Amino acid sequence: MRAFFEGIQTLFVDFLFKPLDWLRALELNGSIGWWLANIVSWTLIIVCSYYIVYWCKELKKHQDNNEENQDTTAHSFLS
């Protein structure tokens, strides 16, 4: 059983996390290295921001069409 978990450790540490180790080492190479090292974080921030705006627009569209049921008794556990 121990070999199984060591195999999982080897998979993640030696193979799947190697690109992240490279990005971490890149951060120490001047100011441009910081931007490149944080490209994963910036990408996630941009993607999440886009979908938050999209979600808010969809909510606004449903509210303008009166499709939203805002009655407090809409759910049985609220009555």
N, C-alpha and C. Protein backbone atom coordinates (compact mmCIF):
# COMPACT_ATOMS: atom_id res chain seq x y z
N MET A 1 0.83 -1.19 0.00
CA MET A 1 0.00 0.00 0.00
C MET A 1 0.87 1.25 0.00
N ARG A 2 2.00 1.17 0.67
CA ARG A 2 2.90 2.32 0.74
C ARG A 2 3.43 2.67 -0.65
N ALA A 3 3.71 1.65 -1.45
CA ALA A 3 4.23 1.87 -2.80
C ALA A 3 3.19 2.60 -3.67
N PHE A 4 1.92 2.33 -3.43
CA PHE A 4 0.85 3.00 -4.17
C PHE A 4 0.88 4.50 -3.92
N PHE A 5 0.97 4.89 -2.66
CA PHE A 5 0.98 6.31 -2.32
C PHE A 5 2.29 6.97 -2.74
N GLU A 6 3.39 6.25 -2.69
CA GLU A 6 4.64 6.80 -3.19
C GLU A 6 4.60 6.98 -4.70
N GLY A 7 3.87 6.12 -5.38
CA GLY A 7 3.67 6.27 -6.82
C GLY A 7 2.88 7.51 -7.15
N ILE A 8 1.84 7.78 -6.36
CA ILE A 8 1.06 9.01 -6.54
C ILE A 8 1.93 10.23 -6.28
N GLN A 9 2.76 10.16 -5.24
CA GLN A 9 3.68 11.26 -4.93
C GLN A 9 4.64 11.50 -6.09
N THR A 10 5.19 10.46 -6.63
CA THR A 10 6.12 10.59 -7.75
C THR A 10 5.44 11.19 -8.96
N LEU A 11 4.22 10.76 -9.23
CA LEU A 11 3.47 11.29 -10.37
C LEU A 11 3.31 12.80 -10.25
N PHE A 12 2.87 13.26 -9.09
CA PHE A 12 2.61 14.68 -8.93
C PHE A 12 3.89 15.49 -8.79
N VAL A 13 4.81 15.08 -7.95
CA VAL A 13 6.01 15.87 -7.67
C VAL A 13 6.96 15.87 -8.86
N ASP A 14 7.17 14.72 -9.47
CA ASP A 14 8.18 14.62 -10.52
C ASP A 14 7.66 14.94 -11.92
N PHE A 15 6.34 14.90 -12.13
CA PHE A 15 5.82 15.11 -13.48
C PHE A 15 4.83 16.26 -13.56
N LEU A 16 3.74 16.18 -12.81
CA LEU A 16 2.65 17.14 -12.99
C LEU A 16 2.98 18.54 -12.44
N PHE A 17 3.81 18.64 -11.42
CA PHE A 17 4.13 19.94 -10.84
C PHE A 17 5.41 20.55 -11.39
N LYS A 18 6.08 19.90 -12.33
CA LYS A 18 7.32 20.44 -12.91
C LYS A 18 7.11 21.80 -13.56
N PRO A 19 6.03 22.01 -14.33
CA PRO A 19 5.84 23.36 -14.90
C PRO A 19 5.68 24.44 -13.83
N LEU A 20 5.06 24.10 -12.73
CA LEU A 20 4.89 25.08 -11.65
C LEU A 20 6.21 25.37 -10.96
N ASP A 21 7.08 24.37 -10.85
CA ASP A 21 8.42 24.60 -10.31
C ASP A 21 9.21 25.53 -11.22
N TRP A 22 9.06 25.35 -12.54
CA TRP A 22 9.73 26.23 -13.50
C TRP A 22 9.23 27.66 -13.36
N LEU A 23 7.92 27.85 -13.19
CA LEU A 23 7.37 29.20 -13.01
C LEU A 23 7.85 29.82 -11.71
N ARG A 24 7.98 29.03 -10.67
CA ARG A 24 8.46 29.54 -9.38
C ARG A 24 9.91 30.00 -9.50
N ALA A 25 10.74 29.25 -10.20
CA ALA A 25 12.13 29.64 -10.39
C ALA A 25 12.25 30.85 -11.31
N LEU A 26 11.32 31.01 -12.24
CA LEU A 26 11.33 32.13 -13.17
C LEU A 26 11.08 33.45 -12.47
N GLU A 27 10.37 33.42 -11.36
CA GLU A 27 10.03 34.64 -10.63
C GLU A 27 11.27 35.38 -10.15
N LEU A 28 12.35 34.69 -9.92
CA LEU A 28 13.57 35.30 -9.39
C LEU A 28 14.41 35.98 -10.47
N ASN A 29 13.99 35.92 -11.73
CA ASN A 29 14.77 36.46 -12.84
C ASN A 29 14.31 37.86 -13.26
N GLY A 30 14.27 38.81 -12.37
CA GLY A 30 13.94 40.19 -12.72
C GLY A 30 12.46 40.47 -12.74
N SER A 31 12.11 41.68 -13.20
CA SER A 31 10.72 42.14 -13.14
C SER A 31 9.83 41.42 -14.13
N ILE A 32 10.33 41.12 -15.33
CA ILE A 32 9.49 40.41 -16.31
C ILE A 32 9.22 38.98 -15.85
N GLY A 33 10.12 38.43 -15.06
CA GLY A 33 9.92 37.09 -14.54
C GLY A 33 8.74 37.00 -13.59
N TRP A 34 8.50 38.08 -12.85
CA TRP A 34 7.35 38.09 -11.94
C TRP A 34 6.06 37.98 -12.72
N TRP A 35 5.95 38.73 -13.81
CA TRP A 35 4.73 38.69 -14.62
C TRP A 35 4.53 37.32 -15.24
N LEU A 36 5.59 36.73 -15.75
CA LEU A 36 5.46 35.40 -16.35
C LEU A 36 5.17 34.33 -15.31
N ALA A 37 5.75 34.48 -14.13
CA ALA A 37 5.53 33.49 -13.07
C ALA A 37 4.09 33.53 -12.56
N ASN A 38 3.46 34.67 -12.67
CA ASN A 38 2.09 34.81 -12.18
C ASN A 38 1.05 34.75 -13.28
N ILE A 39 1.44 34.27 -14.44
CA ILE A 39 0.52 34.20 -15.58
C ILE A 39 -0.67 33.29 -15.29
N VAL A 40 -0.48 32.24 -14.53
CA VAL A 40 -1.59 31.35 -14.18
C VAL A 40 -2.61 32.09 -13.32
N SER A 41 -2.14 32.84 -12.35
CA SER A 41 -3.04 33.60 -11.49
C SER A 41 -3.78 34.67 -12.27
N TRP A 42 -3.06 35.39 -13.13
CA TRP A 42 -3.70 36.44 -13.93
C TRP A 42 -4.74 35.85 -14.86
N THR A 43 -4.45 34.71 -15.44
CA THR A 43 -5.41 34.07 -16.34
C THR A 43 -6.68 33.67 -15.58
N LEU A 44 -6.52 33.11 -14.39
CA LEU A 44 -7.70 32.73 -13.60
C LEU A 44 -8.50 33.96 -13.17
N ILE A 45 -7.83 35.06 -12.84
CA ILE A 45 -8.53 36.28 -12.46
C ILE A 45 -9.35 36.81 -13.64
N ILE A 46 -8.75 36.80 -14.83
CA ILE A 46 -9.45 37.30 -16.01
C ILE A 46 -10.65 36.42 -16.36
N VAL A 47 -10.47 35.12 -16.32
CA VAL A 47 -11.57 34.20 -16.64
C VAL A 47 -12.70 34.34 -15.63
N CYS A 48 -12.38 34.39 -14.36
CA CYS A 48 -13.41 34.52 -13.32
C CYS A 48 -14.14 35.86 -13.44
N SER A 49 -13.41 36.92 -13.73
CA SER A 49 -14.04 38.24 -13.89
C SER A 49 -15.01 38.24 -15.05
N TYR A 50 -14.62 37.63 -16.16
CA TYR A 50 -15.50 37.55 -17.32
C TYR A 50 -16.80 36.84 -16.97
N TYR A 51 -16.71 35.71 -16.28
CA TYR A 51 -17.92 34.94 -15.98
C TYR A 51 -18.77 35.58 -14.89
N ILE A 52 -18.18 36.36 -14.02
CA ILE A 52 -18.98 37.10 -13.04
C ILE A 52 -19.81 38.16 -13.76
N VAL A 53 -19.19 38.88 -14.71
CA VAL A 53 -19.92 39.87 -15.49
C VAL A 53 -21.02 39.19 -16.30
N TYR A 54 -20.71 38.07 -16.93
CA TYR A 54 -21.71 37.32 -17.70
C TYR A 54 -22.88 36.90 -16.82
N TRP A 55 -22.58 36.39 -15.63
CA TRP A 55 -23.62 35.94 -14.70
C TRP A 55 -24.53 37.11 -14.30
N CYS A 56 -23.92 38.25 -14.01
CA CYS A 56 -24.71 39.43 -13.61
C CYS A 56 -25.60 39.92 -14.75
N LYS A 57 -25.09 39.88 -16.00
CA LYS A 57 -25.91 40.27 -17.14
C LYS A 57 -27.09 39.33 -17.32
N GLU A 58 -26.86 38.03 -17.15
CA GLU A 58 -27.96 37.07 -17.27
C GLU A 58 -29.00 37.27 -16.17
N LEU A 59 -28.55 37.54 -14.95
CA LEU A 59 -29.50 37.80 -13.87
C LEU A 59 -30.33 39.05 -14.16
N LYS A 60 -29.69 40.08 -14.68
CA LYS A 60 -30.38 41.32 -15.02
C LYS A 60 -31.40 41.07 -16.13
N LYS A 61 -31.04 40.25 -17.13
CA LYS A 61 -31.95 39.94 -18.23
C LYS A 61 -33.19 39.21 -17.71
N HIS A 62 -33.01 38.25 -16.82
CA HIS A 62 -34.15 37.52 -16.26
C HIS A 62 -35.00 38.41 -15.37
N GLN A 63 -34.37 39.31 -14.66
CA GLN A 63 -35.13 40.21 -13.80
C GLN A 63 -35.95 41.20 -14.63
N ASP A 64 -35.38 41.68 -15.74
CA ASP A 64 -36.12 42.61 -16.60
C ASP A 64 -37.30 41.95 -17.29
N ASN A 65 -37.24 40.65 -17.55
CA ASN A 65 -38.33 39.91 -18.19
C ASN A 65 -39.34 39.40 -17.17
N ASN A 66 -39.16 39.72 -15.90
CA ASN A 66 -40.04 39.25 -14.81
C ASN A 66 -40.12 37.72 -14.75
N GLU A 67 -39.04 37.06 -15.08
CA GLU A 67 -38.97 35.61 -14.98
C GLU A 67 -38.51 35.16 -13.60
N GLU A 68 -38.09 36.11 -12.80
CA GLU A 68 -37.56 35.80 -11.48
C GLU A 68 -38.72 35.70 -10.49
N ASN A 69 -38.80 34.59 -9.78
CA ASN A 69 -39.83 34.41 -8.75
C ASN A 69 -39.21 34.82 -7.42
N GLN A 70 -39.54 36.03 -6.97
CA GLN A 70 -38.94 36.57 -5.76
C GLN A 70 -39.87 36.45 -4.55
N ASP A 71 -40.91 35.67 -4.68
CA ASP A 71 -41.82 35.44 -3.56
C ASP A 71 -41.10 34.60 -2.51
N THR A 72 -41.25 34.97 -1.26
CA THR A 72 -40.55 34.25 -0.20
C THR A 72 -41.10 32.84 0.00
N THR A 73 -42.27 32.56 -0.54
CA THR A 73 -42.82 31.21 -0.41
C THR A 73 -42.51 30.36 -1.64
N ALA A 74 -41.57 30.82 -2.47
CA ALA A 74 -41.21 30.05 -3.66
C ALA A 74 -40.57 28.72 -3.28
N HIS A 75 -39.93 28.68 -2.13
CA HIS A 75 -39.32 27.45 -1.65
C HIS A 75 -40.04 27.02 -0.38
N SER A 76 -40.28 25.76 -0.29
CA SER A 76 -41.08 25.26 0.83
C SER A 76 -40.39 25.46 2.18
N PHE A 77 -39.05 25.48 2.20
CA PHE A 77 -38.36 25.63 3.48
C PHE A 77 -38.36 27.08 3.97
N LEU A 78 -38.81 28.04 3.15
CA LEU A 78 -38.87 29.45 3.56
C LEU A 78 -40.22 29.84 4.12
N SER A 79 -41.23 29.02 3.94
CA SER A 79 -42.56 29.39 4.41
C SER A 79 -42.81 28.98 5.83
